[in-house]
Amino acid sequence: MWISTDDSCFQPPQARGWGLRPLAAGMLGLAALLAGAQGWTAQEDLDEVARLLEQGRAAQAARLAESHLQRNPGDVQMRFLQGVIATEQGQNAKAIEVFTALTRDYPNLPEPYNNLAVLYAAEGQERKASEVLEQAIRTNPSYATAHENLGDLYARMASEAYAKALQLDDSRKTAQPKLALITQIFPLRETGAATPPAAAAARVAAASQARPQEPADASPQLTTVPEPAPKPAVAAAPAAPPQAPARPVAPPATSAAALAAAPVRETPPPVASPTSSIAAADAVASSPREASTGAASASAGDAKNAAADREAVQSAVQAWAAAWASQDIDAYLGAYSEQFRPGDGSSLSNWQAQRRQRIVGRPPISVTVREMKVSLDGDQATAAFRQAYASGAYRATTRKTLRLQREGAQWRIVEERAGS
């Protein structure tokens, strides 16, 4: 289980080398009301708490969570998040208290059991942790994370037992289980059982396939626009008219009477008429051809411009992610416009200093952008995508939306939102 708030700032504690195993889930999209939970989940408060955690302001996040729970004591999502905040602050005793209370109040939810087991394991209580994980599996046999964590625990305990049997030196390192801490409770079905992660992922995939058009896929579609345009032009050019004037060429060979009458008619330019009629036919045909070609050219030009802008926006987002991952702070901050306003209301210079502090010198960072969808509106663009962040043992996945504007030849970020 991992803490799936946003990207860089939320670092769960490391105890005895415990790693975090990623579990695909995004916290900031949560607004579900859980069956049996009392009160109303204020999405605004959840988003704000997550934003504070992203900025490393865990103390403020804890105060907001406490204030929210005073008004909405039955908000199970915020209670769960309160335990996550305590874990992030290193207050394991408080976190254990929160998750234990959740297992009593909501015994059918596997997530509190799982996080409780992670905390016990971090304190070296592997046996107790395994018992709690077994309880999590009993509440939801398909809960994959609990199975993985339990397998890691069994491997650790077996390794320790083997070491003791051989009377190995205490300094010998044993395999460390990679238990994962999660930060969200999956929505409940009518029966009260948590939705399995695999089923949730399948629904997300099906929903994304059901969408009629995705802006990110517009580029390959746009490239086909110029192709149909020349086809009407070919159809508009009549191949038959040039052949029709050829018929007057045949009559001179029909009879002597026709030959005798020829001097009297003085207008035998039937021979010249094929040329003139061909020219006339070409002139008539060229008019619709030029009109259709002009319209097609305009349409093709618009399509190419839109495709080029979309590609430029996608490249700007990927460059932003690459600069972040490589800890190239100048390139990272350069991806933001001077018009960018931080979501917490701080000044741009203070925000830049904070980001510099939180990015430079950190453990290796990985930032992956997936499922990007770009929409254009003149010199404004919106890029929505799923962001996967990893640094050290921390893993996080969330939805993110960037609003960009064209500044000269560059697209720069003017607004950044998580969970939308």
Protein backbone atom coordinates (compact mmCIF):
# COMPACT_ATOMS: atom_id res chain seq x y z
CA MET A 1 0.00 0.00 0.00
CA TRP A 2 1.28 3.39 -0.72
CA ILE A 3 0.10 6.82 0.16
CA SER A 4 -1.61 8.13 -2.92
CA THR A 5 -1.91 11.80 -2.32
CA ASP A 6 -0.05 13.73 -4.99
CA ASP A 7 3.51 13.82 -6.02
CA SER A 8 6.60 15.00 -4.26
CA CYS A 9 6.02 16.08 -0.73
CA PHE A 10 4.32 13.26 1.13
CA GLN A 11 7.00 11.01 2.53
CA PRO A 12 5.78 8.24 4.85
CA PRO A 13 8.26 7.26 7.54
CA GLN A 14 10.85 4.59 6.95
CA ALA A 15 11.36 2.18 9.81
CA ARG A 16 13.82 -0.69 9.65
CA GLY A 17 14.09 -0.35 5.90
CA TRP A 18 10.39 -0.92 5.12
CA GLY A 19 9.68 -0.18 1.49
CA LEU A 20 6.35 0.83 0.03
CA ARG A 21 4.66 -1.25 -2.64
CA PRO A 22 2.64 0.81 -5.15
CA LEU A 23 -1.10 0.23 -5.38
CA ALA A 24 -2.95 1.99 -8.19
CA ALA A 25 -5.30 4.46 -6.52
CA GLY A 26 -5.76 8.21 -6.50
CA MET A 27 -6.75 9.88 -3.30
CA LEU A 28 -7.77 13.28 -4.53
CA GLY A 29 -10.65 12.00 -6.63
CA LEU A 30 -12.47 10.61 -3.61
CA ALA A 31 -15.91 11.94 -2.83
CA ALA A 32 -17.70 8.66 -2.22
CA LEU A 33 -20.08 8.23 0.66
CA LEU A 34 -19.42 4.90 2.30
CA ALA A 35 -22.29 2.70 3.41
CA GLY A 36 -22.70 2.85 7.16
CA ALA A 37 -20.65 6.04 7.54
CA GLN A 38 -22.32 8.92 9.34
CA GLY A 39 -22.21 12.48 8.08
CA TRP A 40 -21.18 14.09 4.83
CA THR A 41 -17.73 14.00 3.25
CA ALA A 42 -16.70 17.52 2.29
CA GLN A 43 -14.65 17.09 -0.87
CA GLU A 44 -13.22 20.56 -0.46
CA ASP A 45 -11.69 19.65 2.90
CA LEU A 46 -10.27 16.39 1.54
CA ASP A 47 -8.70 18.24 -1.38
CA GLU A 48 -7.28 20.90 0.91
CA VAL A 49 -5.79 18.35 3.30
CA ALA A 50 -4.18 16.54 0.36
CA ARG A 51 -2.81 19.80 -0.99
CA LEU A 52 -1.26 20.64 2.38
CA LEU A 53 0.34 17.21 2.52
CA GLU A 54 1.70 17.73 -0.98
CA GLN A 55 3.36 20.91 0.22
CA GLY A 56 4.82 19.17 3.25
CA ARG A 57 2.59 21.08 5.66
CA ALA A 58 1.47 18.06 7.66
CA ALA A 59 0.78 20.06 10.82
CA GLN A 60 -1.72 22.28 9.01
CA ALA A 61 -3.24 19.22 7.35
CA ALA A 62 -3.69 17.64 10.78
CA ARG A 63 -5.42 20.76 12.14
CA LEU A 64 -7.78 20.93 9.18
CA ALA A 65 -8.59 17.22 9.49
CA GLU A 66 -9.30 17.65 13.20
CA SER A 67 -11.54 20.65 12.55
CA HIS A 68 -13.42 18.78 9.83
CA LEU A 69 -13.97 15.75 12.07
CA GLN A 70 -15.37 17.96 14.82
CA ARG A 71 -18.09 18.97 12.39
CA ASN A 72 -18.35 15.58 10.67
CA PRO A 73 -17.29 12.92 13.18
CA GLY A 74 -18.59 10.12 10.98
CA ASP A 75 -16.50 10.97 7.91
CA VAL A 76 -14.63 7.70 7.52
CA GLN A 77 -12.42 9.01 4.71
CA MET A 78 -11.14 11.89 6.83
CA ARG A 79 -10.66 9.61 9.82
CA PHE A 80 -8.60 7.30 7.65
CA LEU A 81 -6.62 10.25 6.32
CA GLN A 82 -6.04 11.41 9.89
CA GLY A 83 -4.26 8.12 10.54
CA VAL A 84 -2.16 8.63 7.42
CA ILE A 85 -1.18 12.13 8.59
CA ALA A 86 -0.13 10.76 11.97
CA THR A 87 1.99 8.14 10.21
CA GLU A 88 3.63 10.80 8.06
CA GLN A 89 4.44 12.81 11.20
CA GLY A 90 6.03 9.78 12.82
CA GLN A 91 3.26 9.56 15.44
CA ASN A 92 2.87 5.81 15.11
CA ALA A 93 1.05 5.39 18.42
CA LYS A 94 -1.63 7.86 17.37
CA ALA A 95 -1.87 6.28 13.91
CA ILE A 96 -2.32 2.84 15.47
CA GLU A 97 -5.07 4.26 17.68
CA VAL A 98 -6.88 5.77 14.68
CA PHE A 99 -6.68 2.64 12.52
CA THR A 100 -7.64 0.37 15.44
CA ALA A 101 -10.76 2.48 16.02
CA LEU A 102 -11.63 2.18 12.35
CA THR A 103 -11.35 -1.62 12.47
CA ARG A 104 -13.82 -1.60 15.36
CA ASP A 105 -16.27 0.80 13.73
CA TYR A 106 -15.97 -0.64 10.21
CA PRO A 107 -14.88 -4.28 10.58
CA ASN A 108 -15.66 -5.04 6.92
CA LEU A 109 -13.09 -2.56 5.57
CA PRO A 110 -9.71 -4.18 4.86
CA GLU A 111 -7.74 -0.94 4.45
CA PRO A 112 -7.49 0.01 8.16
CA TYR A 113 -6.30 -3.53 8.97
CA ASN A 114 -3.65 -3.26 6.29
CA ASN A 115 -2.25 0.04 7.54
CA LEU A 116 -2.37 -1.20 11.11
CA ALA A 117 -0.26 -4.18 10.05
CA VAL A 118 2.27 -1.91 8.37
CA LEU A 119 2.68 0.06 11.60
CA TYR A 120 3.06 -3.09 13.70
CA ALA A 121 5.65 -4.44 11.29
CA ALA A 122 7.56 -1.15 11.43
CA GLU A 123 7.82 -1.64 15.19
CA GLY A 124 9.12 -5.17 14.79
CA GLN A 125 5.86 -6.88 15.80
CA GLU A 126 5.75 -9.19 12.77
CA ARG A 127 3.55 -11.81 14.39
CA LYS A 128 0.93 -9.25 15.35
CA ALA A 129 1.17 -7.66 11.91
CA SER A 130 0.55 -11.01 10.21
CA GLU A 131 -2.51 -11.63 12.37
CA VAL A 132 -3.94 -8.25 11.41
CA LEU A 133 -3.26 -8.89 7.72
CA GLU A 134 -5.01 -12.24 7.96
CA GLN A 135 -7.99 -10.37 9.35
CA ALA A 136 -7.85 -7.96 6.41
CA ILE A 137 -7.92 -10.90 4.01
CA ARG A 138 -10.89 -12.39 5.84
CA THR A 139 -12.83 -9.16 5.34
CA ASN A 140 -11.98 -9.17 1.63
CA PRO A 141 -10.33 -12.33 0.24
CA SER A 142 -9.52 -10.57 -3.05
CA TYR A 143 -7.61 -7.72 -1.40
CA ALA A 144 -4.32 -8.10 -3.25
CA THR A 145 -2.23 -5.70 -1.18
CA ALA A 146 -2.89 -7.57 2.04
CA HIS A 147 -1.88 -10.84 0.35
CA GLU A 148 1.37 -9.27 -0.87
CA ASN A 149 2.17 -7.76 2.51
CA LEU A 150 1.42 -11.02 4.29
CA GLY A 151 3.71 -12.90 1.91
CA ASP A 152 6.51 -10.43 2.67
CA LEU A 153 5.96 -10.86 6.39
CA TYR A 154 6.05 -14.64 6.17
CA ALA A 155 9.31 -14.43 4.21
CA ARG A 156 10.79 -12.14 6.85
CA MET A 157 9.75 -14.37 9.75
CA ALA A 158 11.02 -17.48 7.99
CA SER A 159 14.36 -15.78 7.37
CA GLU A 160 14.68 -14.77 11.00
CA ALA A 161 13.76 -18.27 12.19
CA TYR A 162 16.36 -19.77 9.88
CA ALA A 163 19.00 -17.35 11.17
CA LYS A 164 18.24 -18.24 14.76
CA ALA A 165 18.36 -21.95 14.00
CA LEU A 166 21.84 -21.56 12.55
CA GLN A 167 22.82 -19.22 15.38
CA LEU A 168 23.93 -16.63 12.90
CA ASP A 169 25.43 -13.36 14.01
CA ASP A 170 22.86 -10.73 14.92
CA SER A 171 24.49 -8.29 12.55
CA ARG A 172 23.57 -10.41 9.55
CA LYS A 173 21.01 -8.67 7.40
CA THR A 174 17.74 -10.40 6.71
CA ALA A 175 15.28 -9.73 3.93
CA GLN A 176 13.14 -6.69 4.62
CA PRO A 177 9.46 -6.96 3.77
CA LYS A 178 8.13 -4.35 1.42
CA LEU A 179 4.88 -3.54 3.15
CA ALA A 180 2.78 -0.86 1.54
CA LEU A 181 0.73 1.81 3.28
CA ILE A 182 -2.40 3.11 1.56
CA THR A 183 -4.27 6.36 2.01
CA GLN A 184 -7.75 5.72 0.74
CA ILE A 185 -10.66 3.47 1.46
CA PHE A 186 -12.17 2.03 -1.67
CA PRO A 187 -15.89 2.79 -2.14
CA LEU A 188 -18.25 0.19 -0.73
CA ARG A 189 -20.73 -1.92 -2.58
CA GLU A 190 -24.27 -2.30 -1.30
CA THR A 191 -23.16 -5.31 0.69
CA GLY A 192 -20.62 -3.20 2.55
CA ALA A 193 -17.59 -5.01 1.14
CA ALA A 194 -14.80 -2.96 -0.33
CA THR A 195 -14.47 -2.90 -4.10
CA PRO A 196 -11.46 -4.99 -5.16
CA PRO A 197 -8.70 -2.88 -6.70
CA ALA A 198 -8.73 -5.00 -9.87
CA ALA A 199 -12.45 -4.40 -10.37
CA ALA A 200 -12.02 -0.69 -9.78
CA ALA A 201 -9.19 -0.57 -12.31
CA ALA A 202 -11.32 -2.47 -14.85
CA ARG A 203 -14.14 0.04 -14.42
CA VAL A 204 -11.76 2.93 -14.94
CA ALA A 205 -10.39 1.33 -18.11
CA ALA A 206 -13.91 0.65 -19.42
CA ALA A 207 -14.97 4.21 -18.68
CA SER A 208 -11.99 5.64 -20.52
CA GLN A 209 -12.76 3.46 -23.55
CA ALA A 210 -16.39 4.54 -23.53
CA ARG A 211 -15.56 8.22 -23.94
CA PRO A 212 -16.48 9.33 -27.45
CA GLN A 213 -13.41 11.46 -28.16
CA GLU A 214 -10.24 12.04 -26.25
CA PRO A 215 -8.33 15.20 -27.10
CA ALA A 216 -5.05 13.36 -26.76
CA ASP A 217 -6.08 11.06 -29.60
CA ALA A 218 -7.09 13.92 -31.84
CA SER A 219 -3.71 14.21 -33.50
CA PRO A 220 -3.88 11.00 -35.53
CA GLN A 221 -7.47 11.82 -36.49
CA LEU A 222 -6.56 15.28 -37.65
CA THR A 223 -3.92 13.97 -40.03
CA THR A 224 -6.66 12.30 -42.07
CA VAL A 225 -8.53 15.56 -42.71
CA PRO A 226 -6.46 16.73 -45.69
CA GLU A 227 -6.78 13.38 -47.47
CA PRO A 228 -10.51 13.45 -48.37
CA ALA A 229 -10.18 16.97 -49.78
CA PRO A 230 -8.34 16.10 -53.01
CA LYS A 231 -10.82 13.31 -53.77
CA PRO A 232 -13.78 15.62 -54.59
CA ALA A 233 -11.41 17.57 -56.83
CA VAL A 234 -10.63 14.45 -58.83
CA ALA A 235 -14.31 13.58 -59.09
CA ALA A 236 -15.17 17.12 -60.13
CA ALA A 237 -12.85 17.01 -63.15
CA PRO A 238 -15.07 15.40 -65.81
CA ALA A 239 -13.18 12.83 -67.80
CA ALA A 240 -16.06 12.45 -70.29
CA PRO A 241 -16.29 16.01 -71.72
CA PRO A 242 -12.90 15.85 -73.47
CA GLN A 243 -14.11 12.73 -75.28
CA ALA A 244 -17.45 14.19 -76.36
CA PRO A 245 -15.99 16.72 -78.84
CA ALA A 246 -14.12 13.90 -80.55
CA ARG A 247 -17.37 12.81 -82.20
CA PRO A 248 -17.37 15.58 -84.89
CA VAL A 249 -14.07 14.18 -86.18
CA ALA A 250 -15.82 11.05 -87.46
CA PRO A 251 -18.46 12.62 -89.84
CA PRO A 252 -15.97 13.69 -92.60
CA ALA A 253 -15.45 10.02 -93.47
CA THR A 254 -19.13 9.12 -93.71
CA SER A 255 -20.10 10.10 -97.32
CA ALA A 256 -19.17 12.03 -100.49
CA ALA A 257 -22.20 14.28 -99.97
CA ALA A 258 -20.80 15.43 -96.73
CA LEU A 259 -17.48 16.15 -98.44
CA ALA A 260 -19.23 18.12 -101.20
CA ALA A 261 -21.16 20.15 -98.71
CA ALA A 262 -18.07 21.05 -96.78
CA PRO A 263 -17.03 24.09 -98.90
CA VAL A 264 -20.50 25.59 -98.63
CA ARG A 265 -20.59 25.34 -94.77
CA GLU A 266 -17.47 27.49 -94.23
CA THR A 267 -17.66 26.61 -90.57
CA PRO A 268 -15.93 23.32 -90.47
CA PRO A 269 -14.07 24.23 -87.31
CA PRO A 270 -15.40 21.02 -85.83
CA VAL A 271 -11.71 20.07 -85.83
CA ALA A 272 -10.87 23.12 -83.79
CA SER A 273 -13.91 22.74 -81.57
CA PRO A 274 -12.51 19.75 -79.65
CA THR A 275 -9.68 21.94 -78.44
CA SER A 276 -11.95 24.80 -77.50
CA SER A 277 -14.51 22.54 -75.90
CA ILE A 278 -11.77 20.79 -73.95
CA ALA A 279 -10.51 24.16 -72.76
CA ALA A 280 -14.06 25.15 -71.85
CA ALA A 281 -14.58 21.89 -70.02
CA ASP A 282 -11.32 22.41 -68.17
CA ALA A 283 -12.36 25.94 -67.28
CA VAL A 284 -15.71 24.76 -65.97
CA ALA A 285 -14.11 21.90 -64.08
CA SER A 286 -11.36 24.07 -62.64
CA SER A 287 -13.80 26.37 -60.89
CA PRO A 288 -15.24 23.80 -58.44
CA ARG A 289 -11.81 22.19 -58.24
CA GLU A 290 -10.23 25.46 -57.13
CA ALA A 291 -13.05 26.13 -54.68
CA SER A 292 -12.89 22.69 -53.13
CA THR A 293 -9.10 22.78 -53.08
CA GLY A 294 -9.16 26.14 -51.33
CA ALA A 295 -11.60 24.89 -48.70
CA ALA A 296 -9.59 21.72 -48.23
CA SER A 297 -6.38 23.71 -47.89
CA ALA A 298 -7.93 25.93 -45.24
CA SER A 299 -9.28 22.93 -43.37
CA ALA A 300 -5.98 21.11 -43.66
CA GLY A 301 -4.13 24.19 -42.45
CA ASP A 302 -6.36 24.50 -39.38
CA ALA A 303 -5.99 20.81 -38.66
CA LYS A 304 -2.22 20.95 -38.98
CA ASN A 305 -2.04 24.00 -36.72
CA ALA A 306 -4.21 22.32 -34.07
CA ALA A 307 -2.17 19.13 -34.28
CA ALA A 308 1.07 21.10 -33.99
CA ASP A 309 -0.24 23.03 -30.97
CA ARG A 310 -1.42 19.86 -29.29
CA GLU A 311 1.93 18.21 -29.86
CA ALA A 312 3.71 21.30 -28.50
CA VAL A 313 1.58 21.23 -25.33
CA GLN A 314 2.26 17.52 -24.84
CA SER A 315 5.99 18.12 -25.32
CA ALA A 316 5.91 20.97 -22.79
CA VAL A 317 4.24 18.75 -20.18
CA GLN A 318 6.70 15.91 -20.79
CA ALA A 319 9.64 18.33 -20.56
CA TRP A 320 8.24 19.64 -17.26
CA ALA A 321 8.02 16.09 -15.88
CA ALA A 322 11.52 15.25 -17.14
CA ALA A 323 13.02 18.35 -15.52
CA TRP A 324 11.32 17.46 -12.25
CA ALA A 325 12.58 13.87 -12.38
CA SER A 326 16.15 14.95 -13.20
CA GLN A 327 15.99 17.61 -10.45
CA ASP A 328 16.87 20.25 -13.05
CA ILE A 329 15.28 22.97 -10.97
CA ASP A 330 15.92 25.80 -13.44
CA ALA A 331 14.21 23.94 -16.27
CA TYR A 332 11.43 22.84 -13.91
CA LEU A 333 10.68 26.37 -12.69
CA GLY A 334 11.11 27.66 -16.25
CA ALA A 335 8.11 25.56 -17.26
CA TYR A 336 5.92 27.92 -15.21
CA SER A 337 4.75 31.30 -16.44
CA GLU A 338 5.40 34.52 -14.57
CA GLN A 339 1.61 34.64 -14.39
CA PHE A 340 1.48 31.39 -12.38
CA ARG A 341 -0.20 31.77 -9.02
CA PRO A 342 0.37 29.06 -6.38
CA GLY A 343 -2.76 27.37 -5.09
CA ASP A 344 -1.91 28.16 -1.47
CA GLY A 345 -1.97 31.89 -2.10
CA SER A 346 1.76 32.39 -1.51
CA SER A 347 3.87 34.59 -3.72
CA LEU A 348 5.53 33.14 -6.79
CA SER A 349 9.01 33.73 -5.34
CA ASN A 350 8.16 31.95 -2.07
CA TRP A 351 6.62 29.05 -3.97
CA GLN A 352 9.72 28.77 -6.17
CA ALA A 353 11.99 28.72 -3.12
CA GLN A 354 9.85 26.01 -1.53
CA ARG A 355 9.88 23.87 -4.66
CA ARG A 356 13.65 24.28 -4.98
CA GLN A 357 14.05 23.06 -1.41
CA ARG A 358 11.78 20.07 -1.92
CA ILE A 359 13.25 18.89 -5.25
CA VAL A 360 17.00 19.53 -5.23
CA GLY A 361 19.06 16.95 -3.38
CA ARG A 362 16.24 14.46 -2.89
CA PRO A 363 16.57 10.72 -3.52
CA PRO A 364 16.21 9.76 -7.19
CA ILE A 365 12.86 10.96 -8.51
CA SER A 366 10.66 9.35 -11.13
CA VAL A 367 7.73 11.22 -12.68
CA THR A 368 5.60 9.45 -15.28
CA VAL A 369 2.75 11.08 -17.20
CA ARG A 370 0.04 8.77 -18.55
CA GLU A 371 -3.35 9.10 -20.25
CA MET A 372 -2.76 12.73 -21.22
CA LYS A 373 -5.70 14.59 -22.77
CA VAL A 374 -5.13 18.02 -24.28
CA SER A 375 -7.81 20.57 -25.16
CA LEU A 376 -7.06 23.82 -27.00
CA ASP A 377 -8.74 27.21 -26.90
CA GLY A 378 -6.73 29.69 -28.91
CA ASP A 379 -3.61 30.55 -26.95
CA GLN A 380 -4.88 28.61 -23.92
CA ALA A 381 -4.55 24.86 -23.40
CA THR A 382 -5.53 22.35 -20.72
CA ALA A 383 -3.63 19.10 -20.16
CA ALA A 384 -5.22 16.49 -17.89
CA PHE A 385 -3.33 13.31 -17.08
CA ARG A 386 -2.50 10.68 -14.49
CA GLN A 387 0.80 11.33 -12.74
CA ALA A 388 2.88 8.57 -11.15
CA TYR A 389 5.52 9.86 -8.75
CA ALA A 390 8.25 7.91 -6.98
CA SER A 391 11.15 9.01 -4.80
CA GLY A 392 13.07 6.59 -2.64
CA ALA A 393 10.52 4.23 -1.13
CA TYR A 394 7.58 6.58 -1.68
CA ARG A 395 5.08 5.95 -4.47
CA ALA A 396 2.08 8.09 -5.40
CA THR A 397 -0.40 8.29 -8.26
CA THR A 398 -2.96 11.02 -8.78
CA ARG A 399 -4.87 12.93 -11.40
CA LYS A 400 -3.39 16.29 -12.33
CA THR A 401 -4.55 19.17 -14.53
CA LEU A 402 -2.26 21.85 -15.94
CA ARG A 403 -3.53 24.98 -17.65
CA LEU A 404 -0.99 26.46 -20.03
CA GLN A 405 -0.79 29.57 -22.17
CA ARG A 406 1.24 30.34 -25.26
CA GLU A 407 4.08 32.76 -24.55
CA GLY A 408 5.95 33.40 -27.76
CA ALA A 409 7.04 30.00 -29.03
CA GLN A 410 6.61 28.32 -25.64
CA TRP A 411 3.68 26.88 -23.69
CA ARG A 412 4.00 27.65 -19.97
CA ILE A 413 1.99 26.61 -16.92
CA VAL A 414 -0.31 29.24 -15.40
CA GLU A 415 -2.36 26.95 -13.16
CA GLU A 416 -1.77 23.54 -11.55
CA ARG A 417 -4.48 21.45 -9.91
CA ALA A 418 -4.37 18.00 -8.36
CA GLY A 419 -7.25 15.56 -8.30
CA SER A 420 -9.31 17.10 -11.09
